[in-house]
Amino acid sequence: MKNGLYEVRHRHGLDWPYVTAAVAYRDSGGAAADARVVLGHVAPVPWRVDAAGEALSGAAISADTAAKAGEAATVGATPLSRNAYKAALVKTAVKRAALTAAGLPLEG
């Protein structure tokens, strides 16, 4: 099982992260299988994002597939009036968590 976690925090703060993303999957011949993506700090409880896991499953993890998973993680999101900025943070956190899980360098 491969897994990765990425947290978006205030640069100098010791408080809670703005967003966290966890990615886990089985490596099946170089492709992700049974991928799971869970977000933290975007809802009252950890939030599993099936669409993001589906975007990773069956594909080799790369910067492109990781970015697609980040995009999928925000489809249908309904942010509150003062936390709409979290949608952009979710995209980045999911992408970087997927790249971390695959052992690839983080980018953008």
PDB file of N, CA and C in Angstrom:
ATOM      1  N   MET A   1       0.852  -1.177   0.000  1.00  0.00           N
ATOM      2  CA  MET A   1       0.000   0.000   0.000  1.00  0.00           C
ATOM      3  C   MET A   1       0.892   1.233   0.000  1.00  0.00           C
ATOM      4  N   LYS A   2       0.606   2.143  -0.887  1.00  0.00           N
ATOM      5  CA  LYS A   2       1.328   3.413  -0.927  1.00  0.00           C
ATOM      6  C   LYS A   2       0.409   4.480  -0.370  1.00  0.00           C
ATOM      7  N   ASN A   3       0.978   5.438   0.354  1.00  0.00           N
ATOM      8  CA  ASN A   3       0.147   6.513   0.894  1.00  0.00           C
ATOM      9  C   ASN A   3       0.954   7.785   1.030  1.00  0.00           C
ATOM     10  N   GLY A   4       0.228   8.886   1.025  1.00  0.00           N
ATOM     11  CA  GLY A   4       0.845  10.192   1.170  1.00  0.00           C
ATOM     12  C   GLY A   4      -0.111  11.156   1.846  1.00  0.00           C
ATOM     13  N   LEU A   5       0.444  12.106   2.555  1.00  0.00           N
ATOM     14  CA  LEU A   5      -0.336  13.125   3.255  1.00  0.00           C
ATOM     15  C   LEU A   5       0.255  14.482   2.932  1.00  0.00           C
ATOM     16  N   TYR A   6      -0.607  15.449   2.725  1.00  0.00           N
ATOM     17  CA  TYR A   6      -0.130  16.811   2.517  1.00  0.00           C
ATOM     18  C   TYR A   6      -1.028  17.762   3.294  1.00  0.00           C
ATOM     19  N   GLU A   7      -0.424  18.678   4.047  1.00  0.00           N
ATOM     20  CA  GLU A   7      -1.155  19.673   4.819  1.00  0.00           C
ATOM     21  C   GLU A   7      -0.828  21.065   4.307  1.00  0.00           C
ATOM     22  N   VAL A   8      -1.845  21.905   4.212  1.00  0.00           N
ATOM     23  CA  VAL A   8      -1.645  23.311   3.877  1.00  0.00           C
ATOM     24  C   VAL A   8      -1.837  24.089   5.176  1.00  0.00           C
ATOM     25  N   ARG A   9      -0.764  24.716   5.617  1.00  0.00           N
ATOM     26  CA  ARG A   9      -0.777  25.457   6.885  1.00  0.00           C
ATOM     27  C   ARG A   9      -0.375  26.913   6.665  1.00  0.00           C
ATOM     28  N   HIS A  10      -0.729  27.740   7.629  1.00  0.00           N
ATOM     29  CA  HIS A  10      -0.241  29.113   7.655  1.00  0.00           C
ATOM     30  C   HIS A  10       1.260  29.048   7.886  1.00  0.00           C
ATOM     31  N   ARG A  11       1.989  29.841   7.187  1.00  0.00           N
ATOM     32  CA  ARG A  11       3.454  29.745   7.197  1.00  0.00           C
ATOM     33  C   ARG A  11       4.055  29.816   8.601  1.00  0.00           C
ATOM     34  N   HIS A  12       3.557  30.714   9.418  1.00  0.00           N
ATOM     35  CA  HIS A  12       4.153  30.898  10.742  1.00  0.00           C
ATOM     36  C   HIS A  12       3.245  30.414  11.865  1.00  0.00           C
ATOM     37  N   GLY A  13       2.132  29.820  11.524  1.00  0.00           N
ATOM     38  CA  GLY A  13       1.178  29.427  12.556  1.00  0.00           C
ATOM     39  C   GLY A  13       1.404  28.025  13.077  1.00  0.00           C
ATOM     40  N   LEU A  14       1.011  27.801  14.285  1.00  0.00           N
ATOM     41  CA  LEU A  14       1.077  26.481  14.895  1.00  0.00           C
ATOM     42  C   LEU A  14      -0.325  25.910  15.066  1.00  0.00           C
ATOM     43  N   ASP A  15      -1.296  26.597  14.522  1.00  0.00           N
ATOM     44  CA  ASP A  15      -2.689  26.203  14.656  1.00  0.00           C
ATOM     45  C   ASP A  15      -3.031  25.082  13.679  1.00  0.00           C
ATOM     46  N   TRP A  16      -4.305  24.739  13.569  1.00  0.00           N
ATOM     47  CA  TRP A  16      -4.783  23.697  12.669  1.00  0.00           C
ATOM     48  C   TRP A  16      -4.456  24.035  11.224  1.00  0.00           C
ATOM     49  N   PRO A  17      -4.248  23.031  10.388  1.00  0.00           N
ATOM     50  CA  PRO A  17      -4.037  23.285   8.955  1.00  0.00           C
ATOM     51  C   PRO A  17      -5.311  23.848   8.319  1.00  0.00           C
ATOM     52  N   TYR A  18      -5.153  24.521   7.218  1.00  0.00           N
ATOM     53  CA  TYR A  18      -6.313  24.985   6.456  1.00  0.00           C
ATOM     54  C   TYR A  18      -6.999  23.807   5.772  1.00  0.00           C
ATOM     55  N   VAL A  19      -6.185  22.911   5.209  1.00  0.00           N
ATOM     56  CA  VAL A  19      -6.679  21.750   4.466  1.00  0.00           C
ATOM     57  C   VAL A  19      -5.653  20.628   4.607  1.00  0.00           C
ATOM     58  N   THR A  20      -6.119  19.390   4.709  1.00  0.00           N
ATOM     59  CA  THR A  20      -5.234  18.238   4.601  1.00  0.00           C
ATOM     60  C   THR A  20      -5.815  17.285   3.560  1.00  0.00           C
ATOM     61  N   ALA A  21      -4.932  16.562   2.909  1.00  0.00           N
ATOM     62  CA  ALA A  21      -5.365  15.541   1.955  1.00  0.00           C
ATOM     63  C   ALA A  21      -4.516  14.304   2.187  1.00  0.00           C
ATOM     64  N   ALA A  22      -5.178  13.165   2.232  1.00  0.00           N
ATOM     65  CA  ALA A  22      -4.498  11.879   2.364  1.00  0.00           C
ATOM     66  C   ALA A  22      -4.869  11.027   1.158  1.00  0.00           C
ATOM     67  N   VAL A  23      -3.872  10.384   0.575  1.00  0.00           N
ATOM     68  CA  VAL A  23      -4.079   9.517  -0.585  1.00  0.00           C
ATOM     69  C   VAL A  23      -3.470   8.155  -0.268  1.00  0.00           C
ATOM     70  N   ALA A  24      -4.208   7.102  -0.552  1.00  0.00           N
ATOM     71  CA  ALA A  24      -3.700   5.740  -0.385  1.00  0.00           C
ATOM     72  C   ALA A  24      -4.153   4.908  -1.581  1.00  0.00           C
ATOM     73  N   TYR A  25      -3.272   4.030  -2.033  1.00  0.00           N
ATOM     74  CA  TYR A  25      -3.613   3.141  -3.146  1.00  0.00           C
ATOM     75  C   TYR A  25      -2.672   1.947  -3.156  1.00  0.00           C
ATOM     76  N   ARG A  26      -3.092   0.897  -3.836  1.00  0.00           N
ATOM     77  CA  ARG A  26      -2.239  -0.265  -4.076  1.00  0.00           C
ATOM     78  C   ARG A  26      -1.567  -0.083  -5.423  1.00  0.00           C
ATOM     79  N   ASP A  27      -0.310  -0.448  -5.508  1.00  0.00           N
ATOM     80  CA  ASP A  27       0.409  -0.400  -6.776  1.00  0.00           C
ATOM     81  C   ASP A  27       0.123  -1.694  -7.527  1.00  0.00           C
ATOM     82  N   SER A  28      -0.436  -1.578  -8.713  1.00  0.00           N
ATOM     83  CA  SER A  28      -0.782  -2.737  -9.520  1.00  0.00           C
ATOM     84  C   SER A  28      -0.099  -2.608 -10.875  1.00  0.00           C
ATOM     85  N   GLY A  29       1.112  -3.090 -10.962  1.00  0.00           N
ATOM     86  CA  GLY A  29       1.847  -3.021 -12.221  1.00  0.00           C
ATOM     87  C   GLY A  29       2.138  -1.607 -12.677  1.00  0.00           C
ATOM     88  N   GLY A  30       2.424  -0.727 -11.749  1.00  0.00           N
ATOM     89  CA  GLY A  30       2.731   0.659 -12.093  1.00  0.00           C
ATOM     90  C   GLY A  30       1.527   1.577 -12.134  1.00  0.00           C
ATOM     91  N   ALA A  31       0.350   1.033 -11.926  1.00  0.00           N
ATOM     92  CA  ALA A  31      -0.871   1.845 -11.902  1.00  0.00           C
ATOM     93  C   ALA A  31      -1.480   1.803 -10.508  1.00  0.00           C
ATOM     94  N   ALA A  32      -2.203   2.840 -10.163  1.00  0.00           N
ATOM     95  CA  ALA A  32      -2.890   2.901  -8.874  1.00  0.00           C
ATOM     96  C   ALA A  32      -4.142   2.027  -8.928  1.00  0.00           C
ATOM     97  N   ALA A  33      -4.368   1.283  -7.869  1.00  0.00           N
ATOM     98  CA  ALA A  33      -5.574   0.465  -7.764  1.00  0.00           C
ATOM     99  C   ALA A  33      -6.229   0.747  -6.416  1.00  0.00           C
ATOM    100  N   ASP A  34      -7.547   0.757  -6.409  1.00  0.00           N
ATOM    101  CA  ASP A  34      -8.301   1.009  -5.171  1.00  0.00           C
ATOM    102  C   ASP A  34      -7.856   2.293  -4.482  1.00  0.00           C
ATOM    103  N   ALA A  35      -7.678   3.352  -5.244  1.00  0.00           N
ATOM    104  CA  ALA A  35      -7.218   4.625  -4.675  1.00  0.00           C
ATOM    105  C   ALA A  35      -8.304   5.248  -3.812  1.00  0.00           C
ATOM    106  N   ARG A  36      -7.858   5.815  -2.704  1.00  0.00           N
ATOM    107  CA  ARG A  36      -8.752   6.507  -1.785  1.00  0.00           C
ATOM    108  C   ARG A  36      -8.170   7.883  -1.488  1.00  0.00           C
ATOM    109  N   VAL A  37      -9.042   8.891  -1.459  1.00  0.00           N
ATOM    110  CA  VAL A  37      -8.636  10.250  -1.132  1.00  0.00           C
ATOM    111  C   VAL A  37      -9.560  10.747  -0.027  1.00  0.00           C
ATOM    112  N   VAL A  38      -8.959  11.233   1.052  1.00  0.00           N
ATOM    113  CA  VAL A  38      -9.728  11.757   2.174  1.00  0.00           C
ATOM    114  C   VAL A  38      -9.211  13.150   2.490  1.00  0.00           C
ATOM    115  N   LEU A  39     -10.147  14.084   2.677  1.00  0.00           N
ATOM    116  CA  LEU A  39      -9.809  15.470   3.010  1.00  0.00           C
ATOM    117  C   LEU A  39     -10.093  15.741   4.477  1.00  0.00           C
ATOM    118  N   GLY A  40      -9.284  16.593   5.050  1.00  0.00           N
ATOM    119  CA  GLY A  40      -9.508  17.047   6.417  1.00  0.00           C
ATOM    120  C   GLY A  40      -9.610  18.552   6.450  1.00  0.00           C
ATOM    121  N   HIS A  41     -10.327  19.064   7.424  1.00  0.00           N
ATOM    122  CA  HIS A  41     -10.469  20.493   7.669  1.00  0.00           C
ATOM    123  C   HIS A  41     -11.282  21.210   6.592  1.00  0.00           C
ATOM    124  N   VAL A  42     -12.109  20.450   5.889  1.00  0.00           N
ATOM    125  CA  VAL A  42     -13.022  21.057   4.913  1.00  0.00           C
ATOM    126  C   VAL A  42     -14.478  20.789   5.284  1.00  0.00           C
ATOM    127  N   ALA A  43     -14.688  19.969   6.292  1.00  0.00           N
ATOM    128  CA  ALA A  43     -16.031  19.605   6.756  1.00  0.00           C
ATOM    129  C   ALA A  43     -15.913  19.261   8.243  1.00  0.00           C
ATOM    130  N   PRO A  44     -17.023  19.081   8.916  1.00  0.00           N
ATOM    131  CA  PRO A  44     -16.962  18.750  10.344  1.00  0.00           C
ATOM    132  C   PRO A  44     -16.286  17.401  10.635  1.00  0.00           C
ATOM    133  N   VAL A  45     -16.229  16.531   9.651  1.00  0.00           N
ATOM    134  CA  VAL A  45     -15.588  15.215   9.794  1.00  0.00           C
ATOM    135  C   VAL A  45     -14.696  14.986   8.581  1.00  0.00           C
ATOM    136  N   PRO A  46     -13.756  14.046   8.653  1.00  0.00           N
ATOM    137  CA  PRO A  46     -12.965  13.738   7.449  1.00  0.00           C
ATOM    138  C   PRO A  46     -13.893  13.390   6.288  1.00  0.00           C
ATOM    139  N   TRP A  47     -13.518  13.849   5.104  1.00  0.00           N
ATOM    140  CA  TRP A  47     -14.398  13.768   3.941  1.00  0.00           C
ATOM    141  C   TRP A  47     -13.751  12.923   2.856  1.00  0.00           C
ATOM    142  N   ARG A  48     -14.320  11.746   2.611  1.00  0.00           N
ATOM    143  CA  ARG A  48     -13.799  10.903   1.533  1.00  0.00           C
ATOM    144  C   ARG A  48     -14.338  11.404   0.208  1.00  0.00           C
ATOM    145  N   VAL A  49     -13.440  11.546  -0.767  1.00  0.00           N
ATOM    146  CA  VAL A  49     -13.800  12.080  -2.076  1.00  0.00           C
ATOM    147  C   VAL A  49     -13.636  10.964  -3.109  1.00  0.00           C
ATOM    148  N   ASP A  50     -14.724  10.259  -3.365  1.00  0.00           N
ATOM    149  CA  ASP A  50     -14.666   9.113  -4.272  1.00  0.00           C
ATOM    150  C   ASP A  50     -14.244   9.507  -5.685  1.00  0.00           C
ATOM    151  N   ALA A  51     -14.685  10.666  -6.166  1.00  0.00           N
ATOM    152  CA  ALA A  51     -14.346  11.089  -7.529  1.00  0.00           C
ATOM    153  C   ALA A  51     -12.836  11.266  -7.696  1.00  0.00           C
ATOM    154  N   ALA A  52     -12.170  11.742  -6.670  1.00  0.00           N
ATOM    155  CA  ALA A  52     -10.717  11.915  -6.742  1.00  0.00           C
ATOM    156  C   ALA A  52     -10.017  10.557  -6.750  1.00  0.00           C
ATOM    157  N   GLY A  53     -10.507   9.622  -5.960  1.00  0.00           N
ATOM    158  CA  GLY A  53      -9.944   8.278  -5.960  1.00  0.00           C
ATOM    159  C   GLY A  53     -10.134   7.596  -7.303  1.00  0.00           C
ATOM    160  N   GLU A  54     -11.299   7.798  -7.907  1.00  0.00           N
ATOM    161  CA  GLU A  54     -11.568   7.222  -9.223  1.00  0.00           C
ATOM    162  C   GLU A  54     -10.660   7.828 -10.286  1.00  0.00           C
ATOM    163  N   ALA A  55     -10.316   9.111 -10.129  1.00  0.00           N
ATOM    164  CA  ALA A  55      -9.422   9.764 -11.097  1.00  0.00           C
ATOM    165  C   ALA A  55      -8.017   9.162 -11.042  1.00  0.00           C
ATOM    166  N   LEU A  56      -7.631   8.635  -9.888  1.00  0.00           N
ATOM    167  CA  LEU A  56      -6.310   8.030  -9.752  1.00  0.00           C
ATOM    168  C   LEU A  56      -6.304   6.549 -10.108  1.00  0.00           C
ATOM    169  N   SER A  57      -7.385   5.846  -9.803  1.00  0.00           N
ATOM    170  CA  SER A  57      -7.433   4.400  -9.999  1.00  0.00           C
ATOM    171  C   SER A  57      -7.301   4.029 -11.472  1.00  0.00           C
ATOM    172  N   GLY A  58      -6.449   3.054 -11.732  1.00  0.00           N
ATOM    173  CA  GLY A  58      -6.256   2.567 -13.087  1.00  0.00           C
ATOM    174  C   GLY A  58      -5.225   3.328 -13.885  1.00  0.00           C
ATOM    175  N   ALA A  59      -4.627   4.331 -13.287  1.00  0.00           N
ATOM    176  CA  ALA A  59      -3.645   5.155 -14.006  1.00  0.00           C
ATOM    177  C   ALA A  59      -2.321   5.152 -13.256  1.00  0.00           C
ATOM    178  N   ALA A  60      -1.251   5.375 -13.986  1.00  0.00           N
ATOM    179  CA  ALA A  60       0.050   5.593 -13.352  1.00  0.00           C
ATOM    180  C   ALA A  60       0.026   6.990 -12.742  1.00  0.00           C
ATOM    181  N   ILE A  61       0.526   7.120 -11.533  1.00  0.00           N
ATOM    182  CA  ILE A  61       0.531   8.429 -10.884  1.00  0.00           C
ATOM    183  C   ILE A  61       1.598   9.298 -11.537  1.00  0.00           C
ATOM    184  N   SER A  62       1.163  10.453 -11.986  1.00  0.00           N
ATOM    185  CA  SER A  62       2.048  11.450 -12.593  1.00  0.00           C
ATOM    186  C   SER A  62       1.520  12.816 -12.182  1.00  0.00           C
ATOM    187  N   ALA A  63       2.223  13.854 -12.574  1.00  0.00           N
ATOM    188  CA  ALA A  63       1.754  15.206 -12.262  1.00  0.00           C
ATOM    189  C   ALA A  63       0.373  15.447 -12.881  1.00  0.00           C
ATOM    190  N   ASP A  64       0.142  14.920 -14.090  1.00  0.00           N
ATOM    191  CA  ASP A  64      -1.148  15.114 -14.753  1.00  0.00           C
ATOM    192  C   ASP A  64      -2.277  14.377 -14.045  1.00  0.00           C
ATOM    193  N   THR A  65      -2.073  13.098 -13.703  1.00  0.00           N
ATOM    194  CA  THR A  65      -3.142  12.356 -13.028  1.00  0.00           C
ATOM    195  C   THR A  65      -3.386  12.916 -11.633  1.00  0.00           C
ATOM    196  N   ALA A  66      -2.330  13.361 -10.960  1.00  0.00           N
ATOM    197  CA  ALA A  66      -2.491  13.958  -9.636  1.00  0.00           C
ATOM    198  C   ALA A  66      -3.295  15.258  -9.725  1.00  0.00           C
ATOM    199  N   ALA A  67      -3.033  16.065 -10.753  1.00  0.00           N
ATOM    200  CA  ALA A  67      -3.790  17.306 -10.937  1.00  0.00           C
ATOM    201  C   ALA A  67      -5.250  17.016 -11.259  1.00  0.00           C
ATOM    202  N   LYS A  68      -5.504  15.971 -12.050  1.00  0.00           N
ATOM    203  CA  LYS A  68      -6.882  15.592 -12.363  1.00  0.00           C
ATOM    204  C   LYS A  68      -7.626  15.152 -11.107  1.00  0.00           C
ATOM    205  N   ALA A  69      -6.939  14.456 -10.229  1.00  0.00           N
ATOM    206  CA  ALA A  69      -7.554  14.042  -8.965  1.00  0.00           C
ATOM    207  C   ALA A  69      -7.877  15.267  -8.112  1.00  0.00           C
ATOM    208  N   GLY A  70      -6.986  16.245  -8.107  1.00  0.00           N
ATOM    209  CA  GLY A  70      -7.240  17.497  -7.382  1.00  0.00           C
ATOM    210  C   GLY A  70      -8.461  18.219  -7.910  1.00  0.00           C
ATOM    211  N   GLU A  71      -8.583  18.272  -9.217  1.00  0.00           N
ATOM    212  CA  GLU A  71      -9.770  18.884  -9.828  1.00  0.00           C
ATOM    213  C   GLU A  71     -11.030  18.113  -9.456  1.00  0.00           C
ATOM    214  N   ALA A  72     -10.954  16.793  -9.538  1.00  0.00           N
ATOM    215  CA  ALA A  72     -12.114  15.953  -9.225  1.00  0.00           C
ATOM    216  C   ALA A  72     -12.552  16.126  -7.776  1.00  0.00           C
ATOM    217  N   ALA A  73     -11.601  16.415  -6.895  1.00  0.00           N
ATOM    218  CA  ALA A  73     -11.913  16.563  -5.476  1.00  0.00           C
ATOM    219  C   ALA A  73     -12.788  17.770  -5.182  1.00  0.00           C
ATOM    220  N   THR A  74     -12.840  18.726  -6.094  1.00  0.00           N
ATOM    221  CA  THR A  74     -13.622  19.936  -5.842  1.00  0.00           C
ATOM    222  C   THR A  74     -14.934  19.994  -6.624  1.00  0.00           C
ATOM    223  N   VAL A  75     -15.165  19.029  -7.490  1.00  0.00           N
ATOM    224  CA  VAL A  75     -16.413  19.025  -8.269  1.00  0.00           C
ATOM    225  C   VAL A  75     -17.588  18.888  -7.313  1.00  0.00           C
ATOM    226  N   GLY A  76     -18.522  19.802  -7.410  1.00  0.00           N
ATOM    227  CA  GLY A  76     -19.711  19.774  -6.564  1.00  0.00           C
ATOM    228  C   GLY A  76     -19.507  20.355  -5.181  1.00  0.00           C
ATOM    229  N   ALA A  77     -18.322  20.893  -4.909  1.00  0.00           N
ATOM    230  CA  ALA A  77     -18.074  21.486  -3.587  1.00  0.00           C
ATOM    231  C   ALA A  77     -18.972  22.700  -3.386  1.00  0.00           C
ATOM    232  N   THR A  78     -19.468  22.848  -2.183  1.00  0.00           N
ATOM    233  CA  THR A  78     -20.310  23.999  -1.850  1.00  0.00           C
ATOM    234  C   THR A  78     -19.707  24.715  -0.640  1.00  0.00           C
ATOM    235  N   PRO A  79     -18.710  25.558  -0.892  1.00  0.00           N
ATOM    236  CA  PRO A  79     -18.064  26.248   0.214  1.00  0.00           C
ATOM    237  C   PRO A  79     -19.010  27.239   0.892  1.00  0.00           C
ATOM    238  N   LEU A  80     -18.705  27.533   2.147  1.00  0.00           N
ATOM    239  CA  LEU A  80     -19.448  28.544   2.878  1.00  0.00           C
ATOM    240  C   LEU A  80     -18.970  29.925   2.440  1.00  0.00           C
ATOM    241  N   SER A  81     -19.622  30.957   2.926  1.00  0.00           N
ATOM    242  CA  SER A  81     -19.326  32.314   2.450  1.00  0.00           C
ATOM    243  C   SER A  81     -17.894  32.758   2.713  1.00  0.00           C
ATOM    244  N   ARG A  82     -17.273  32.274   3.748  1.00  0.00           N
ATOM    245  CA  ARG A  82     -15.926  32.750   4.080  1.00  0.00           C
ATOM    246  C   ARG A  82     -14.826  31.704   3.905  1.00  0.00           C
ATOM    247  N   ASN A  83     -15.129  30.581   3.267  1.00  0.00           N
ATOM    248  CA  ASN A  83     -14.056  29.606   3.077  1.00  0.00           C
ATOM    249  C   ASN A  83     -13.963  29.091   1.640  1.00  0.00           C
ATOM    250  N   ALA A  84     -14.418  29.874   0.695  1.00  0.00           N
ATOM    251  CA  ALA A  84     -14.338  29.477  -0.713  1.00  0.00           C
ATOM    252  C   ALA A  84     -12.883  29.298  -1.158  1.00  0.00           C
ATOM    253  N   TYR A  85     -11.956  29.957  -0.494  1.00  0.00           N
ATOM    254  CA  TYR A  85     -10.539  29.828  -0.837  1.00  0.00           C
ATOM    255  C   TYR A  85     -10.039  28.385  -0.669  1.00  0.00           C
ATOM    256  N   LYS A  86     -10.739  27.597   0.132  1.00  0.00           N
ATOM    257  CA  LYS A  86     -10.284  26.233   0.389  1.00  0.00           C
ATOM    258  C   LYS A  86     -10.372  25.343  -0.844  1.00  0.00           C
ATOM    259  N   ALA A  87     -11.221  25.684  -1.799  1.00  0.00           N
ATOM    260  CA  ALA A  87     -11.330  24.866  -3.015  1.00  0.00           C
ATOM    261  C   ALA A  87      -9.991  24.817  -3.743  1.00  0.00           C
ATOM    262  N   ALA A  88      -9.331  25.952  -3.868  1.00  0.00           N
ATOM    263  CA  ALA A  88      -8.013  25.975  -4.526  1.00  0.00           C
ATOM    264  C   ALA A  88      -6.979  25.214  -3.695  1.00  0.00           C
ATOM    265  N   LEU A  89      -7.068  25.330  -2.380  1.00  0.00           N
ATOM    266  CA  LEU A  89      -6.129  24.618  -1.517  1.00  0.00           C
ATOM    267  C   LEU A  89      -6.322  23.106  -1.608  1.00  0.00           C
ATOM    268  N   VAL A  90      -7.574  22.667  -1.743  1.00  0.00           N
ATOM    269  CA  VAL A  90      -7.867  21.236  -1.885  1.00  0.00           C
ATOM    270  C   VAL A  90      -7.208  20.687  -3.135  1.00  0.00           C
ATOM    271  N   LYS A  91      -7.316  21.394  -4.244  1.00  0.00           N
ATOM    272  CA  LYS A  91      -6.706  20.934  -5.497  1.00  0.00           C
ATOM    273  C   LYS A  91      -5.212  20.696  -5.321  1.00  0.00           C
ATOM    274  N   THR A  92      -4.549  21.653  -4.705  1.00  0.00           N
ATOM    275  CA  THR A  92      -3.108  21.551  -4.499  1.00  0.00           C
ATOM    276  C   THR A  92      -2.770  20.442  -3.508  1.00  0.00           C
ATOM    277  N   ALA A  93      -3.523  20.351  -2.410  1.00  0.00           N
ATOM    278  CA  ALA A  93      -3.233  19.346  -1.395  1.00  0.00           C
ATOM    279  C   ALA A  93      -3.404  17.927  -1.936  1.00  0.00           C
ATOM    280  N   VAL A  94      -4.469  17.692  -2.704  1.00  0.00           N
ATOM    281  CA  VAL A  94      -4.687  16.360  -3.273  1.00  0.00           C
ATOM    282  C   VAL A  94      -3.584  16.025  -4.268  1.00  0.00           C
ATOM    283  N   LYS A  95      -3.243  16.965  -5.114  1.00  0.00           N
ATOM    284  CA  LYS A  95      -2.177  16.726  -6.094  1.00  0.00           C
ATOM    285  C   LYS A  95      -0.870  16.373  -5.390  1.00  0.00           C
ATOM    286  N   ARG A  96      -0.504  17.142  -4.391  1.00  0.00           N
ATOM    287  CA  ARG A  96       0.768  16.913  -3.706  1.00  0.00           C
ATOM    288  C   ARG A  96       0.745  15.647  -2.855  1.00  0.00           C
ATOM    289  N   ALA A  97      -0.399  15.293  -2.282  1.00  0.00           N
ATOM    290  CA  ALA A  97      -0.496  14.041  -1.529  1.00  0.00           C
ATOM    291  C   ALA A  97      -0.334  12.842  -2.464  1.00  0.00           C
ATOM    292  N   ALA A  98      -0.918  12.927  -3.650  1.00  0.00           N
ATOM    293  CA  ALA A  98      -0.784  11.845  -4.630  1.00  0.00           C
ATOM    294  C   ALA A  98       0.666  11.713  -5.092  1.00  0.00           C
ATOM    295  N   LEU A  99       1.315  12.828  -5.344  1.00  0.00           N
ATOM    296  CA  LEU A  99       2.721  12.791  -5.763  1.00  0.00           C
ATOM    297  C   LEU A  99       3.615  12.243  -4.642  1.00  0.00           C
ATOM    298  N   THR A 100       3.304  12.623  -3.400  1.00  0.00           N
ATOM    299  CA  THR A 100       4.048  12.103  -2.256  1.00  0.00           C
ATOM    300  C   THR A 100       3.877  10.599  -2.143  1.00  0.00           C
ATOM    301  N   ALA A 101       2.650  10.119  -2.305  1.00  0.00           N
ATOM    302  CA  ALA A 101       2.383   8.679  -2.225  1.00  0.00           C
ATOM    303  C   ALA A 101       3.171   7.918  -3.288  1.00  0.00           C
ATOM    304  N   ALA A 102       3.312   8.521  -4.458  1.00  0.00           N
ATOM    305  CA  ALA A 102       4.037   7.866  -5.548  1.00  0.00           C
ATOM    306  C   ALA A 102       5.549   8.058  -5.460  1.00  0.00           C
ATOM    307  N   GLY A 103       5.996   8.866  -4.503  1.00  0.00           N
ATOM    308  CA  GLY A 103       7.431   9.118  -4.371  1.00  0.00           C
ATOM    309  C   GLY A 103       7.980  10.047  -5.424  1.00  0.00           C
ATOM    310  N   LEU A 104       7.097  10.868  -5.996  1.00  0.00           N
ATOM    311  CA  LEU A 104       7.494  11.799  -7.049  1.00  0.00           C
ATOM    312  C   LEU A 104       7.727  13.190  -6.450  1.00  0.00           C
ATOM    313  N   PRO A 105       8.525  14.020  -7.109  1.00  0.00           N
ATOM    314  CA  PRO A 105       8.764  15.374  -6.583  1.00  0.00           C
ATOM    315  C   PRO A 105       7.484  16.216  -6.649  1.00  0.00           C
ATOM    316  N   LEU A 106       7.324  17.084  -5.657  1.00  0.00           N
ATOM    317  CA  LEU A 106       6.167  17.979  -5.628  1.00  0.00           C
ATOM    318  C   LEU A 106       6.392  19.104  -6.626  1.00  0.00           C
ATOM    319  N   GLU A 107       5.299  19.497  -7.241  1.00  0.00           N
ATOM    320  CA  GLU A 107       5.354  20.637  -8.148  1.00  0.00           C
ATOM    321  C   GLU A 107       4.054  21.404  -8.018  1.00  0.00           C
ATOM    322  N   GLY A 108       4.091  22.687  -8.344  1.00  0.00           N
ATOM    323  CA  GLY A 108       2.962  23.588  -8.342  1.00  0.00           C
ATOM    324  C   GLY A 108       1.795  23.239  -7.623  1.00  0.00           C
TER     325      GLY A 108
END
